[in-house]
PDB file of N, CA and C in Angstrom:
ATOM      1  N   UNK A   1      86.904 135.794 128.355  1.00  0.00           N
ATOM      2  CA  UNK A   1      86.013 134.866 129.017  1.00  0.00           C
ATOM      3  C   UNK A   1      85.551 135.214 130.431  1.00  0.00           C
ATOM      4  N   UNK A   2      84.311 135.599 130.350  1.00  0.00           N
ATOM      5  CA  UNK A   2      83.934 136.085 131.866  1.00  0.00           C
ATOM      6  C   UNK A   2      82.875 134.981 132.441  1.00  0.00           C
ATOM      7  N   UNK A   3      83.188 134.591 133.335  1.00  0.00           N
ATOM      8  CA  UNK A   3      82.331 133.710 134.127  1.00  0.00           C
ATOM      9  C   UNK A   3      81.655 133.942 135.500  1.00  0.00           C
ATOM     10  N   UNK A   4      80.421 133.814 135.650  1.00  0.00           N
ATOM     11  CA  UNK A   4      79.863 134.353 136.829  1.00  0.00           C
ATOM     12  C   UNK A   4      79.291 133.226 137.536  1.00  0.00           C
ATOM     13  N   UNK A   5      79.659 133.196 138.705  1.00  0.00           N
ATOM     14  CA  UNK A   5      79.091 132.329 139.840  1.00  0.00           C
ATOM     15  C   UNK A   5      78.486 132.558 140.803  1.00  0.00           C
ATOM     16  N   UNK A   6      76.945 132.086 141.008  1.00  0.00           N
ATOM     17  CA  UNK A   6      76.425 132.602 142.119  1.00  0.00           C
ATOM     18  C   UNK A   6      76.225 131.477 143.192  1.00  0.00           C
ATOM     19  N   UNK A   7      76.720 131.857 144.321  1.00  0.00           N
ATOM     20  CA  UNK A   7      76.572 130.656 145.414  1.00  0.00           C
ATOM     21  C   UNK A   7      75.772 131.053 146.430  1.00  0.00           C
ATOM     22  N   UNK A   8      74.670 130.898 146.378  1.00  0.00           N
ATOM     23  CA  UNK A   8      73.591 131.330 147.698  1.00  0.00           C
ATOM     24  C   UNK A   8      73.757 132.896 147.790  1.00  0.00           C
ATOM     25  N   UNK A   9      74.614 133.551 148.774  1.00  0.00           N
ATOM     26  CA  UNK A   9      74.727 134.905 148.998  1.00  0.00           C
ATOM     27  C   UNK A   9      76.058 135.240 148.393  1.00  0.00           C
ATOM     28  N   UNK A  10      76.804 134.490 148.022  1.00  0.00           N
ATOM     29  CA  UNK A  10      78.090 134.817 147.451  1.00  0.00           C
ATOM     30  C   UNK A  10      78.354 134.829 145.986  1.00  0.00           C
ATOM     31  N   UNK A  11      78.659 135.747 145.231  1.00  0.00           N
ATOM     32  CA  UNK A  11      78.886 135.832 143.888  1.00  0.00           C
ATOM     33  C   UNK A  11      80.565 136.058 143.726  1.00  0.00           C
ATOM     34  N   UNK A  12      80.943 135.103 142.780  1.00  0.00           N
ATOM     35  CA  UNK A  12      82.304 135.202 142.421  1.00  0.00           C
ATOM     36  C   UNK A  12      82.396 135.326 140.832  1.00  0.00           C
ATOM     37  N   UNK A  13      83.047 136.116 140.410  1.00  0.00           N
ATOM     38  CA  UNK A  13      83.303 136.832 139.064  1.00  0.00           C
ATOM     39  C   UNK A  13      84.621 136.389 138.786  1.00  0.00           C
ATOM     40  N   UNK A  14      84.916 135.529 137.774  1.00  0.00           N
ATOM     41  CA  UNK A  14      86.177 135.276 137.333  1.00  0.00           C
ATOM     42  C   UNK A  14      86.644 135.856 135.973  1.00  0.00           C
ATOM     43  N   UNK A  15      87.449 136.519 135.964  1.00  0.00           N
ATOM     44  CA  UNK A  15      87.723 137.077 134.570  1.00  0.00           C
ATOM     45  C   UNK A  15      88.946 136.423 133.683  1.00  0.00           C
ATOM     46  N   UNK A  16      89.355 135.643 132.798  1.00  0.00           N
ATOM     47  CA  UNK A  16      90.189 135.351 132.296  1.00  0.00           C
ATOM     48  C   UNK A  16      90.911 136.180 131.109  1.00  0.00           C
ATOM     49  N   UNK A  17      92.094 136.599 131.346  1.00  0.00           N
ATOM     50  CA  UNK A  17      92.918 137.373 130.318  1.00  0.00           C
ATOM     51  C   UNK A  17      93.244 136.524 129.231  1.00  0.00           C
ATOM     52  N   UNK A  18      93.588 137.364 128.151  1.00  0.00           N
ATOM     53  CA  UNK A  18      94.358 136.590 127.056  1.00  0.00           C
ATOM     54  C   UNK A  18      95.419 136.110 127.544  1.00  0.00           C
ATOM     55  N   UNK A  19      96.274 136.242 128.419  1.00  0.00           N
ATOM     56  CA  UNK A  19      97.421 135.971 128.998  1.00  0.00           C
ATOM     57  C   UNK A  19      97.528 134.557 129.505  1.00  0.00           C
ATOM     58  N   UNK A  20      96.097 134.174 129.715  1.00  0.00           N
ATOM     59  CA  UNK A  20      95.974 132.876 130.571  1.00  0.00           C
ATOM     60  C   UNK A  20      95.833 133.357 131.879  1.00  0.00           C
ATOM     61  N   UNK A  21      95.958 134.367 132.802  1.00  0.00           N
ATOM     62  CA  UNK A  21      95.933 134.661 133.967  1.00  0.00           C
ATOM     63  C   UNK A  21      94.573 134.740 134.358  1.00  0.00           C
ATOM     64  N   UNK A  22      94.283 134.485 135.426  1.00  0.00           N
ATOM     65  CA  UNK A  22      92.863 134.597 135.930  1.00  0.00           C
ATOM     66  C   UNK A  22      92.870 135.668 137.263  1.00  0.00           C
ATOM     67  N   UNK A  23      91.636 136.302 137.035  1.00  0.00           N
ATOM     68  CA  UNK A  23      91.548 137.459 138.249  1.00  0.00           C
ATOM     69  C   UNK A  23      89.901 137.167 138.710  1.00  0.00           C
ATOM     70  N   UNK A  24      89.787 136.884 140.086  1.00  0.00           N
ATOM     71  CA  UNK A  24      88.819 136.433 140.698  1.00  0.00           C
ATOM     72  C   UNK A  24      88.362 137.449 141.497  1.00  0.00           C
ATOM     73  N   UNK A  25      87.118 138.002 141.373  1.00  0.00           N
ATOM     74  CA  UNK A  25      86.652 138.727 142.368  1.00  0.00           C
ATOM     75  C   UNK A  25      85.460 138.483 143.057  1.00  0.00           C
ATOM     76  N   UNK A  26      85.506 138.400 144.346  1.00  0.00           N
ATOM     77  CA  UNK A  26      84.322 137.697 145.266  1.00  0.00           C
ATOM     78  C   UNK A  26      83.627 138.869 146.010  1.00  0.00           C
ATOM     79  N   UNK A  27      82.161 139.004 145.902  1.00  0.00           N
ATOM     80  CA  UNK A  27      81.303 139.710 146.646  1.00  0.00           C
ATOM     81  C   UNK A  27      80.533 139.012 147.319  1.00  0.00           C
ATOM     82  N   UNK A  28      80.812 139.395 148.763  1.00  0.00           N
ATOM     83  CA  UNK A  28      79.812 138.432 149.738  1.00  0.00           C
ATOM     84  C   UNK A  28      78.707 139.609 149.976  1.00  0.00           C
ATOM     85  N   UNK A  29      77.356 139.099 149.597  1.00  0.00           N
ATOM     86  CA  UNK A  29      76.120 139.718 149.810  1.00  0.00           C
ATOM     87  C   UNK A  29      75.535 140.330 150.935  1.00  0.00           C
ATOM     88  N   UNK A  30      76.159 139.297 152.065  1.00  0.00           N
ATOM     89  CA  UNK A  30      75.908 139.407 153.498  1.00  0.00           C
ATOM     90  C   UNK A  30      76.417 140.649 153.655  1.00  0.00           C
ATOM     91  N   UNK A  31      77.690 141.072 153.451  1.00  0.00           N
ATOM     92  CA  UNK A  31      78.004 141.996 153.968  1.00  0.00           C
ATOM     93  C   UNK A  31      77.579 143.366 153.417  1.00  0.00           C
ATOM     94  N   UNK A  32      77.280 143.278 152.012  1.00  0.00           N
ATOM     95  CA  UNK A  32      76.364 144.424 151.603  1.00  0.00           C
ATOM     96  C   UNK A  32      75.081 144.629 151.967  1.00  0.00           C
ATOM     97  N   UNK A  33      74.646 143.811 151.985  1.00  0.00           N
ATOM     98  CA  UNK A  33      72.921 143.918 152.603  1.00  0.00           C
ATOM     99  C   UNK A  33      73.015 144.230 153.936  1.00  0.00           C
ATOM    100  N   UNK A  34      73.799 144.155 154.578  1.00  0.00           N
ATOM    101  CA  UNK A  34      73.869 144.324 156.321  1.00  0.00           C
ATOM    102  C   UNK A  34      74.079 145.757 156.628  1.00  0.00           C
ATOM    103  N   UNK A  35      74.776 146.417 155.423  1.00  0.00           N
ATOM    104  CA  UNK A  35      75.315 148.050 155.881  1.00  0.00           C
ATOM    105  C   UNK A  35      74.229 148.348 155.685  1.00  0.00           C
TER     106      UNK A  35
END
């Protein structure tokens, strides 16, 4: 299950593995766009 969350300028991607462990990747678009 892959869930994508978009909160204004922040994007969080949560990946749930089969073991029930969750991995969350957060991307701050402000840091990317300002580079």
